[in-house]
C-alpha cells in the first residue's frame, strides 16, 4: 500500500482552462474527491442584460475562444426563436458548415494534442521524434486536420474564432465560388488522416465503464442542433423544456455550478451523440467507419475520444456534400415577426449540449438570459468517475494515479473557461 498523504500535484496540462483536484484518502479508501473549477466567474449572462439583441451573439462568443462559433449560433437561434425569425435553407447550410469547421478544428486539438500523447505513451506531442517517420506523420496529420477545420470556418464564417458572418436573420456574405473546389479537395485529403486517428483510438484499451445516462439534442442532422432532446433512459422531450429537466447543484468549492438531469448524474458529448444518434451520420462516414461504430452504444468514458474522431470524419463528409451542392443564392436577411419574446436554443457544442434562454423586450433589449454549458453538466459525473479511478488504482504510486486521473479528465475534453461563468491535485 502506497502512502498518499500530503501529496500535491501541480497544474494538469492538455486541457482547456484551470482546475484543482483535492483527494482525501483514509485507510486505503477515498473519503472525498473534489473537482474545483478555478477559472474566475465572468458574469456573461448579467453582462448582456440591457444590451440590444443584435450585439448579443458577438458578446457571448467571448465566453470561449475554443467553441465561440457554437455560442454565436446558439445565441442567434435563441434570438430568432424569441422574435419569430425564419431563415433561408441556405443560411442553415452556411451555419452547419461554420459549425463543422469548429468541430474539425476543436476535435483535432483535443484528439491529437491532448489525448493522443496518452495513447502513444508520450508526455506531449512535442516529445514525438521528427526523425522517425511514424511519429513525424502524427505531427503532420495533426496540424493538417486542424488547419482544414480553421480554413473551413474562415471561408464560410469569416474567422475560425469569433466569426463575423453568422448574424441574426441570415449570413453576412457568401464564400467565394472559386475557393470551393480547393476547400473540397483539402477536406478529401483529410479523410485518410482522420481514419488513421479513428483506428488508433479504436485500438486503445483505456477503460472506465459504469452505468450512465447519456443526453443529446436530436434532429434530422447528426449535428449541430435539433428541436428535441433525448436520453439513453428513454425519455424524449422538446428542446425548449431542457432547463426544466436540469437541477442546479451548488458545488461550494468550485467556481462552476454543476447540474443533474432528472435528479441524477449524466454525460454529454461525442459518446452521447454516437450512442443515441449514430443512424444520422453521413452515409460515407457510416460506410467507412462501420467497424468502429459497432462499439456504440458504449458506457466506457474513454470512447468519447473515439466518438470525436468519428464525428470529425462525419463533419468532413457532410461539408464536402454541402459545399458541392451550394447554390450561392443572394442572402436576404429575414426580419422579425414580432418585437419581443422569450427564445430557446440548444446546440451540440463539441463537449455536448449548449443551452440558451433569452428574453427580449419591445425595445429589442435583452432583459434576462440563462446559459448552460456542457462542462457544467458533466461536472458531477466527472467527479464521481475520478473517485472511482483513484479507488481502482489505490495500490499504485502517486504518479501513476495522477496519470490515470489526467487521462480520464482529458477523455471528457472539459472546457473550464466555459464552465466558470487544470489540474492541481492536493492529496491529504
Protein backbone atom coordinates (compact mmCIF):
# COMPACT_ATOMS: atom_id res chain seq x y z
CA UNK A 1 0.00 0.00 0.00
CA UNK A 2 1.46 3.33 -1.04
CA UNK A 3 1.23 6.30 1.32
CA UNK A 4 -0.56 9.13 -0.48
CA UNK A 5 -0.77 11.55 2.48
CA UNK A 6 0.18 15.21 1.92
CA UNK A 7 0.85 14.90 -1.80
CA UNK A 8 0.44 17.94 -4.04
CA UNK A 9 0.47 17.60 -7.84
CA UNK A 10 0.81 20.74 -9.93
CA UNK A 11 -1.42 22.00 -12.76
CA UNK A 12 -2.71 19.46 -15.23
CA UNK A 13 -1.68 20.08 -18.82
CA UNK A 14 -3.53 19.37 -22.06
CA UNK A 15 -6.98 20.61 -21.07
CA UNK A 16 -8.63 23.96 -21.67
CA UNK A 17 -8.74 26.16 -18.57
CA UNK A 18 -7.73 25.55 -14.98
CA UNK A 19 -8.90 23.17 -12.27
CA UNK A 20 -7.76 21.77 -8.95
CA UNK A 21 -8.50 18.36 -7.54
CA UNK A 22 -8.49 17.55 -3.83
CA UNK A 23 -8.40 13.84 -2.96
CA UNK A 24 -8.69 12.74 0.66
CA UNK A 25 -7.65 9.14 1.37
CA UNK A 26 -8.14 7.38 4.71
CA UNK A 27 -7.30 3.73 5.46
CA UNK A 28 -6.86 2.90 1.77
CA UNK A 29 -10.24 4.34 0.79
CA UNK A 30 -11.16 7.57 -0.98
CA UNK A 31 -13.04 9.61 1.62
CA UNK A 32 -13.68 12.62 -0.62
CA UNK A 33 -12.91 13.81 -4.13
CA UNK A 34 -13.43 17.47 -5.03
CA UNK A 35 -13.02 18.76 -8.56
CA UNK A 36 -12.71 22.54 -8.34
CA UNK A 37 -13.04 24.63 -11.47
CA UNK A 38 -10.85 27.60 -10.60
CA UNK A 39 -11.45 29.92 -13.54
CA UNK A 40 -12.82 33.28 -12.39
CA UNK A 41 -16.51 33.87 -12.90
CA UNK A 42 -17.13 36.36 -15.72
CA UNK A 43 -20.89 37.02 -15.39
CA UNK A 44 -21.71 36.99 -19.12
CA UNK A 45 -25.42 36.39 -18.56
CA UNK A 46 -25.55 39.51 -16.40
CA UNK A 47 -23.35 41.50 -18.79
CA UNK A 48 -25.71 41.13 -21.78
CA UNK A 49 -28.75 42.33 -19.85
CA UNK A 50 -29.59 45.80 -21.05
CA UNK A 51 -27.79 45.25 -24.37
CA UNK A 52 -29.55 45.19 -27.76
CA UNK A 53 -30.11 41.70 -29.08
CA UNK A 54 -28.06 42.40 -32.22
CA UNK A 55 -24.95 42.83 -30.07
CA UNK A 56 -25.52 39.67 -28.03
CA UNK A 57 -24.07 36.93 -30.31
CA UNK A 58 -20.65 38.54 -30.62
CA UNK A 59 -20.59 39.38 -26.91
CA UNK A 60 -21.48 35.82 -25.95
CA UNK A 61 -18.92 34.33 -28.31
CA UNK A 62 -16.27 35.78 -25.97
CA UNK A 63 -17.23 33.21 -23.33
CA UNK A 64 -14.92 30.79 -25.11
CA UNK A 65 -12.35 31.09 -27.87
CA UNK A 66 -12.46 27.34 -28.45
CA UNK A 67 -16.17 26.96 -29.20
CA UNK A 68 -17.07 30.59 -29.91
CA UNK A 69 -18.97 29.65 -33.09
CA UNK A 70 -21.23 27.35 -31.03
CA UNK A 71 -22.05 30.28 -28.70
CA UNK A 72 -22.69 32.61 -31.67
CA UNK A 73 -25.04 30.16 -33.42
CA UNK A 74 -26.83 29.16 -30.21
CA UNK A 75 -27.36 32.81 -29.22
CA UNK A 76 -28.57 33.72 -32.72
CA UNK A 77 -31.05 30.84 -32.78
CA UNK A 78 -32.45 31.81 -29.35
CA UNK A 79 -32.97 35.39 -30.58
CA UNK A 80 -34.63 34.15 -33.77
CA UNK A 81 -36.89 31.89 -31.74
CA UNK A 82 -37.88 34.80 -29.49
CA UNK A 83 -38.69 37.14 -32.40
CA UNK A 84 -40.17 34.64 -34.85
CA UNK A 85 -37.39 35.00 -37.43
CA UNK A 86 -37.25 32.28 -40.10
CA UNK A 87 -34.03 31.99 -42.08
CA UNK A 88 -33.43 30.50 -45.52
CA UNK A 89 -32.30 26.94 -46.16
CA UNK A 90 -29.03 28.35 -47.48
CA UNK A 91 -28.42 30.23 -44.21
CA UNK A 92 -28.95 26.97 -42.32
CA UNK A 93 -26.41 25.22 -44.58
CA UNK A 94 -23.88 28.02 -44.02
CA UNK A 95 -24.37 27.72 -40.25
CA UNK A 96 -23.85 23.95 -40.36
CA UNK A 97 -20.66 24.44 -42.38
CA UNK A 98 -19.47 27.09 -39.91
CA UNK A 99 -20.07 24.67 -37.03
CA UNK A 100 -18.38 21.82 -38.91
CA UNK A 101 -15.21 23.89 -39.28
CA UNK A 102 -15.29 24.43 -35.50
CA UNK A 103 -15.83 20.72 -34.75
CA UNK A 104 -12.98 19.64 -37.04
CA UNK A 105 -10.58 22.17 -35.52
CA UNK A 106 -11.67 21.60 -31.93
CA UNK A 107 -11.76 17.81 -32.12
CA UNK A 108 -8.33 17.80 -33.79
CA UNK A 109 -6.93 19.95 -30.98
CA UNK A 110 -8.28 17.58 -28.36
CA UNK A 111 -7.56 14.29 -30.12
CA UNK A 112 -4.07 14.97 -31.41
CA UNK A 113 -2.62 17.45 -28.93
CA UNK A 114 -4.36 16.46 -25.68
CA UNK A 115 -5.48 12.79 -25.83
CA UNK A 116 -3.16 11.11 -28.36
CA UNK A 117 0.04 11.51 -26.27
CA UNK A 118 -1.62 9.32 -23.59
CA UNK A 119 -2.24 6.61 -26.18
CA UNK A 120 1.28 6.86 -27.62
CA UNK A 121 2.88 6.81 -24.17
CA UNK A 122 4.27 10.33 -24.55
CA UNK A 123 4.09 13.28 -22.20
CA UNK A 124 3.13 15.59 -25.05
CA UNK A 125 3.08 15.83 -28.83
CA UNK A 126 6.33 17.80 -28.56
CA UNK A 127 8.06 14.59 -27.45
CA UNK A 128 7.48 12.94 -30.83
CA UNK A 129 10.66 12.42 -32.84
CA UNK A 130 10.55 14.16 -36.22
CA UNK A 131 13.26 11.81 -37.45
CA UNK A 132 11.00 8.78 -37.00
CA UNK A 133 8.53 8.60 -39.94
CA UNK A 134 5.70 7.15 -37.82
CA UNK A 135 6.00 9.90 -35.19
CA UNK A 136 6.57 12.66 -37.76
CA UNK A 137 3.39 11.57 -39.52
CA UNK A 138 1.33 12.24 -36.38
CA UNK A 139 2.67 15.77 -36.20
CA UNK A 140 1.96 16.47 -39.86
CA UNK A 141 -1.54 14.98 -39.77
CA UNK A 142 -2.44 16.80 -36.54
CA UNK A 143 -1.76 20.23 -37.99
CA UNK A 144 -3.21 19.34 -41.41
CA UNK A 145 -6.59 18.32 -39.95
CA UNK A 146 -6.71 21.24 -37.53
CA UNK A 147 -5.74 23.59 -40.38
CA UNK A 148 -8.53 22.27 -42.62
CA UNK A 149 -11.08 22.99 -39.89
CA UNK A 150 -9.73 26.51 -39.47
CA UNK A 151 -9.83 27.10 -43.22
CA UNK A 152 -13.44 25.91 -43.49
CA UNK A 153 -14.57 28.27 -40.72
CA UNK A 154 -12.63 31.15 -42.26
CA UNK A 155 -14.10 30.50 -45.70
CA UNK A 156 -17.71 30.23 -44.51
CA UNK A 157 -17.88 32.23 -41.26
CA UNK A 158 -15.14 34.82 -41.80
CA UNK A 159 -12.88 33.66 -38.98
CA UNK A 160 -12.20 30.48 -37.04
CA UNK A 161 -12.74 32.28 -33.71
CA UNK A 162 -15.41 34.96 -33.02
CA UNK A 163 -16.72 34.59 -36.57
CA UNK A 164 -18.29 37.78 -38.02
CA UNK A 165 -20.50 36.38 -40.83
CA UNK A 166 -23.29 34.49 -38.94
CA UNK A 167 -25.85 37.12 -37.89
CA UNK A 168 -29.41 37.28 -36.61
CA UNK A 169 -31.69 36.60 -39.59
CA UNK A 170 -29.05 35.50 -42.06
CA UNK A 171 -25.41 35.35 -43.10
CA UNK A 172 -23.37 38.43 -43.97
CA UNK A 173 -21.62 37.15 -47.06
CA UNK A 174 -21.26 34.08 -49.23
CA UNK A 175 -17.93 32.34 -49.72
CA UNK A 176 -16.06 33.00 -52.95
CA UNK A 177 -17.24 30.44 -55.51
CA UNK A 178 -13.72 29.94 -56.82
CA UNK A 179 -12.44 28.87 -53.38
CA UNK A 180 -14.88 25.98 -53.00
CA UNK A 181 -13.10 23.34 -55.18
CA UNK A 182 -9.79 23.70 -53.30
CA UNK A 183 -11.64 23.53 -49.95
CA UNK A 184 -13.38 20.32 -51.03
CA UNK A 185 -10.07 18.88 -52.20
CA UNK A 186 -8.37 19.75 -48.90
CA UNK A 187 -11.19 18.11 -46.92
CA UNK A 188 -10.93 14.97 -49.07
CA UNK A 189 -7.21 14.76 -48.32
CA UNK A 190 -8.02 14.75 -44.58
CA UNK A 191 -10.16 11.59 -44.75
CA UNK A 192 -7.29 9.03 -44.56
CA UNK A 193 -5.68 11.06 -41.76
CA UNK A 194 -8.91 11.01 -39.74
CA UNK A 195 -9.48 7.30 -40.44
CA UNK A 196 -5.98 6.74 -39.08
CA UNK A 197 -6.75 8.51 -35.80
CA UNK A 198 -10.11 6.68 -35.58
CA UNK A 199 -8.28 3.34 -35.85
CA UNK A 200 -5.80 4.40 -33.17
CA UNK A 201 -8.49 5.33 -30.63
CA UNK A 202 -10.47 2.21 -31.56
CA UNK A 203 -7.42 0.08 -30.66
CA UNK A 204 -6.87 1.97 -27.38
CA UNK A 205 -7.65 -0.24 -24.36
CA UNK A 206 -8.30 2.52 -21.79
CA UNK A 207 -11.48 1.69 -19.92
CA UNK A 208 -13.79 3.17 -17.32
CA UNK A 209 -17.23 1.69 -17.75
CA UNK A 210 -20.19 2.22 -15.47
CA UNK A 211 -23.93 2.72 -15.87
CA UNK A 212 -24.57 6.17 -17.33
CA UNK A 213 -27.48 8.22 -18.63
CA UNK A 214 -26.39 9.92 -21.86
CA UNK A 215 -28.22 13.01 -23.16
CA UNK A 216 -28.15 14.70 -26.57
CA UNK A 217 -30.05 17.04 -28.87
CA UNK A 218 -31.88 15.19 -31.61
CA UNK A 219 -32.68 16.46 -35.11
CA UNK A 220 -32.71 15.46 -38.76
CA UNK A 221 -28.94 16.02 -38.93
CA UNK A 222 -26.39 14.29 -36.72
CA UNK A 223 -25.05 17.75 -35.82
CA UNK A 224 -25.35 20.54 -34.77
CA UNK A 225 -28.88 21.14 -33.41
CA UNK A 226 -32.43 19.88 -33.23
CA UNK A 227 -35.80 20.59 -31.69
CA UNK A 228 -35.84 17.61 -29.33
CA UNK A 229 -33.68 16.22 -26.54
CA UNK A 230 -33.36 12.51 -25.87
CA UNK A 231 -31.66 10.43 -23.21
CA UNK A 232 -30.50 6.82 -23.07
CA UNK A 233 -33.01 6.37 -20.21
CA UNK A 234 -35.65 6.50 -22.97
CA UNK A 235 -37.09 9.95 -22.30
CA UNK A 236 -37.68 12.43 -25.17
CA UNK A 237 -39.00 15.99 -24.96
CA UNK A 238 -38.97 19.41 -26.62
CA UNK A 239 -35.62 21.23 -26.58
CA UNK A 240 -37.42 24.26 -25.08
CA UNK A 241 -38.11 22.25 -21.91
CA UNK A 242 -34.49 21.24 -21.38
CA UNK A 243 -33.81 23.60 -18.48
CA UNK A 244 -36.83 22.20 -16.63
CA UNK A 245 -35.19 18.76 -16.54
CA UNK A 246 -31.96 20.16 -15.09
CA UNK A 247 -31.37 20.80 -11.42
CA UNK A 248 -28.53 23.02 -10.27
CA UNK A 249 -26.06 21.50 -7.83
CA UNK A 250 -24.18 24.15 -5.86
CA UNK A 251 -20.58 22.98 -5.55
CA UNK A 252 -19.20 25.22 -2.76
CA UNK A 253 -15.55 24.54 -3.56
CA UNK A 254 -15.90 25.24 -7.32
CA UNK A 255 -16.45 28.39 -9.38
CA UNK A 256 -18.89 26.49 -11.61
CA UNK A 257 -22.40 25.34 -10.75
CA UNK A 258 -22.99 21.65 -11.53
CA UNK A 259 -26.16 20.04 -12.87
CA UNK A 260 -28.04 16.78 -12.57
CA UNK A 261 -30.63 15.58 -15.11
CA UNK A 262 -33.88 14.25 -13.66
CA UNK A 263 -32.11 14.16 -10.30
CA UNK A 264 -29.10 12.08 -11.33
CA UNK A 265 -25.65 12.48 -12.90
CA UNK A 266 -25.43 12.25 -16.69
CA UNK A 267 -22.97 12.67 -19.54
CA UNK A 268 -22.91 14.77 -22.70
CA UNK A 269 -20.55 14.89 -25.67
CA UNK A 270 -19.49 12.78 -28.62
CA UNK A 271 -20.13 9.50 -26.79
CA UNK A 272 -23.72 10.58 -26.07
CA UNK A 273 -24.26 11.63 -29.70
CA UNK A 274 -22.84 8.35 -31.06
CA UNK A 275 -24.83 6.29 -28.54
CA UNK A 276 -28.14 7.94 -29.44
CA UNK A 277 -27.81 9.39 -32.94
CA UNK A 278 -25.34 7.33 -34.96
CA UNK A 279 -28.02 6.43 -37.52
CA UNK A 280 -28.00 10.12 -38.59
CA UNK A 281 -24.29 10.13 -39.52
CA UNK A 282 -23.31 10.81 -43.15
CA UNK A 283 -23.68 7.73 -45.34
CA UNK A 284 -20.00 7.71 -46.37
CA UNK A 285 -18.97 8.03 -42.70
CA UNK A 286 -21.15 5.08 -41.71
CA UNK A 287 -19.69 3.03 -44.57
CA UNK A 288 -16.01 3.70 -43.82
CA UNK A 289 -16.36 3.71 -40.02
CA UNK A 290 -18.79 0.76 -39.78
CA UNK A 291 -16.29 -1.43 -37.89
CA UNK A 292 -15.65 1.29 -35.31
CA UNK A 293 -19.31 2.24 -34.92
CA UNK A 294 -20.08 -1.25 -33.61
CA UNK A 295 -18.65 -0.18 -30.23
CA UNK A 296 -21.58 2.22 -29.77
CA UNK A 297 -23.67 2.41 -27.67
CA UNK A 298 -20.90 2.34 -25.09
CA UNK A 299 -20.61 3.26 -21.41
CA UNK A 300 -16.81 3.49 -21.49
CA UNK A 301 -15.94 7.16 -20.90
CA UNK A 302 -12.77 6.77 -23.00
CA UNK A 303 -14.91 6.10 -26.06
CA UNK A 304 -15.67 9.82 -26.01
CA UNK A 305 -12.30 10.17 -27.77
CA UNK A 306 -13.26 7.62 -30.42
CA UNK A 307 -16.63 9.36 -30.79
CA UNK A 308 -14.92 12.68 -31.51
CA UNK A 309 -12.70 11.03 -34.11
CA UNK A 310 -15.74 9.54 -35.90
CA UNK A 311 -17.54 12.90 -35.69
CA UNK A 312 -14.56 14.56 -37.37
CA UNK A 313 -14.99 12.22 -40.35
CA UNK A 314 -18.73 12.97 -40.40
CA UNK A 315 -18.09 16.73 -40.46
CA UNK A 316 -15.63 16.34 -43.34
CA UNK A 317 -18.02 14.14 -45.34
CA UNK A 318 -21.05 16.35 -44.68
CA UNK A 319 -19.10 19.51 -45.53
CA UNK A 320 -17.94 18.04 -48.86
CA UNK A 321 -21.55 17.17 -49.73
CA UNK A 322 -22.93 20.58 -48.69
CA UNK A 323 -20.17 22.54 -50.46
CA UNK A 324 -20.74 20.60 -53.68
CA UNK A 325 -24.46 21.43 -53.55
CA UNK A 326 -24.15 25.11 -52.52
CA UNK A 327 -26.24 27.27 -54.87
CA UNK A 328 -24.86 30.72 -53.93
CA UNK A 329 -28.26 32.43 -53.84
CA UNK A 330 -28.13 36.05 -52.71
CA UNK A 331 -28.54 36.17 -48.94
CA UNK A 332 -31.70 38.05 -47.96
CA UNK A 333 -31.88 38.99 -44.28
CA UNK A 334 -35.03 37.70 -42.57
CA UNK A 335 -36.98 40.21 -40.47
CA UNK A 336 -38.61 39.65 -37.06
CA UNK A 337 -42.29 38.65 -36.95
CA UNK A 338 -42.64 40.27 -33.50
CA UNK A 339 -40.80 42.84 -31.39
CA UNK A 340 -40.43 40.91 -28.14
CA UNK A 341 -40.49 37.41 -26.73
CA UNK A 342 -38.60 34.62 -25.00
CA UNK A 343 -36.48 32.32 -27.14
CA UNK A 344 -34.77 28.99 -26.63
CA UNK A 345 -31.91 27.24 -28.38
CA UNK A 346 -29.86 24.11 -27.84
CA UNK A 347 -26.87 23.23 -29.99
CA UNK A 348 -24.37 20.41 -29.73
CA UNK A 349 -21.10 22.16 -28.91
CA UNK A 350 -18.03 19.87 -29.15
CA UNK A 351 -18.47 18.88 -25.48
CA UNK A 352 -22.26 18.47 -25.55
CA UNK A 353 -25.47 20.45 -25.17
CA UNK A 354 -25.12 24.23 -25.00
CA UNK A 355 -28.47 25.76 -23.95
CA UNK A 356 -29.65 29.37 -24.21
CA UNK A 357 -32.83 31.05 -22.97
CA UNK A 358 -33.15 34.77 -23.79
CA UNK A 359 -35.94 37.24 -23.02
CA UNK A 360 -36.16 40.31 -25.29
CA UNK A 361 -38.20 43.46 -24.59
CA UNK A 362 -40.26 45.59 -27.01
CA UNK A 363 -37.23 47.85 -27.48
CA UNK A 364 -35.06 44.92 -28.53
CA UNK A 365 -33.21 44.86 -25.21
CA UNK A 366 -32.23 41.59 -23.51
CA UNK A 367 -33.98 41.51 -20.13
CA UNK A 368 -32.91 38.07 -18.96
CA UNK A 369 -30.53 35.30 -20.02
CA UNK A 370 -29.84 31.73 -18.97
CA UNK A 371 -26.84 29.91 -20.44
CA UNK A 372 -25.93 26.32 -19.54
CA UNK A 373 -22.63 25.00 -20.90
CA UNK A 374 -21.62 21.33 -21.34
CA UNK A 375 -18.74 21.06 -18.85
CA UNK A 376 -21.02 22.27 -16.04
CA UNK A 377 -23.36 19.40 -16.87
CA UNK A 378 -20.59 16.80 -17.00
CA UNK A 379 -19.01 18.01 -13.75
CA UNK A 380 -20.92 15.83 -11.26
CA UNK A 381 -20.29 12.59 -13.17
CA UNK A 382 -16.68 13.54 -13.88
CA UNK A 383 -16.02 13.95 -10.15
CA UNK A 384 -17.55 10.54 -9.34
CA UNK A 385 -15.56 8.90 -12.14
CA UNK A 386 -12.33 10.41 -10.77
CA UNK A 387 -13.11 8.91 -7.37
CA UNK A 388 -13.60 5.50 -8.99
CA UNK A 389 -10.30 5.79 -10.89
CA UNK A 390 -8.43 6.57 -7.65
CA UNK A 391 -10.10 3.61 -5.89
CA UNK A 392 -9.22 1.28 -8.79
CA UNK A 393 -5.56 2.35 -8.61
CA UNK A 394 -5.19 2.86 -4.86
CA UNK A 395 -2.23 0.45 -4.56
CA UNK A 396 -0.22 2.20 -7.25
CA UNK A 397 2.28 5.01 -6.75
CA UNK A 398 1.29 8.68 -6.74
CA UNK A 399 2.47 9.48 -10.27
CA UNK A 400 0.61 6.51 -11.76
CA UNK A 401 -2.64 7.54 -10.05
CA UNK A 402 -2.22 11.12 -11.22
CA UNK A 403 -1.70 9.98 -14.80
CA UNK A 404 -4.84 7.80 -14.68
CA UNK A 405 -6.85 10.78 -13.36
CA UNK A 406 -5.49 13.06 -16.08
CA UNK A 407 -6.29 10.54 -18.82
CA UNK A 408 -9.87 10.32 -17.57
CA UNK A 409 -10.38 14.08 -17.32
CA UNK A 410 -8.93 14.55 -20.80
CA UNK A 411 -11.39 11.97 -22.15
CA UNK A 412 -14.21 14.30 -21.07
CA UNK A 413 -12.47 17.11 -23.02
CA UNK A 414 -13.57 19.66 -20.40
CA UNK A 415 -13.56 23.38 -21.08
CA UNK A 416 -13.09 25.05 -17.70
CA UNK A 417 -13.22 28.53 -19.24
CA UNK A 418 -16.78 27.91 -20.43
CA UNK A 419 -17.82 26.25 -17.20
CA UNK A 420 -16.86 29.08 -14.91
CA UNK A 421 -19.24 31.65 -15.60
CA UNK A 422 -6.46 22.36 -14.61
CA UNK A 423 -5.04 20.10 -12.73
CA UNK A 424 -3.53 20.69 -9.38
CA UNK A 425 -4.16 17.71 -7.13
CA UNK A 426 -3.91 18.07 -3.37
CA UNK A 427 -3.61 14.72 -1.64
CA UNK A 428 -4.48 14.54 2.05
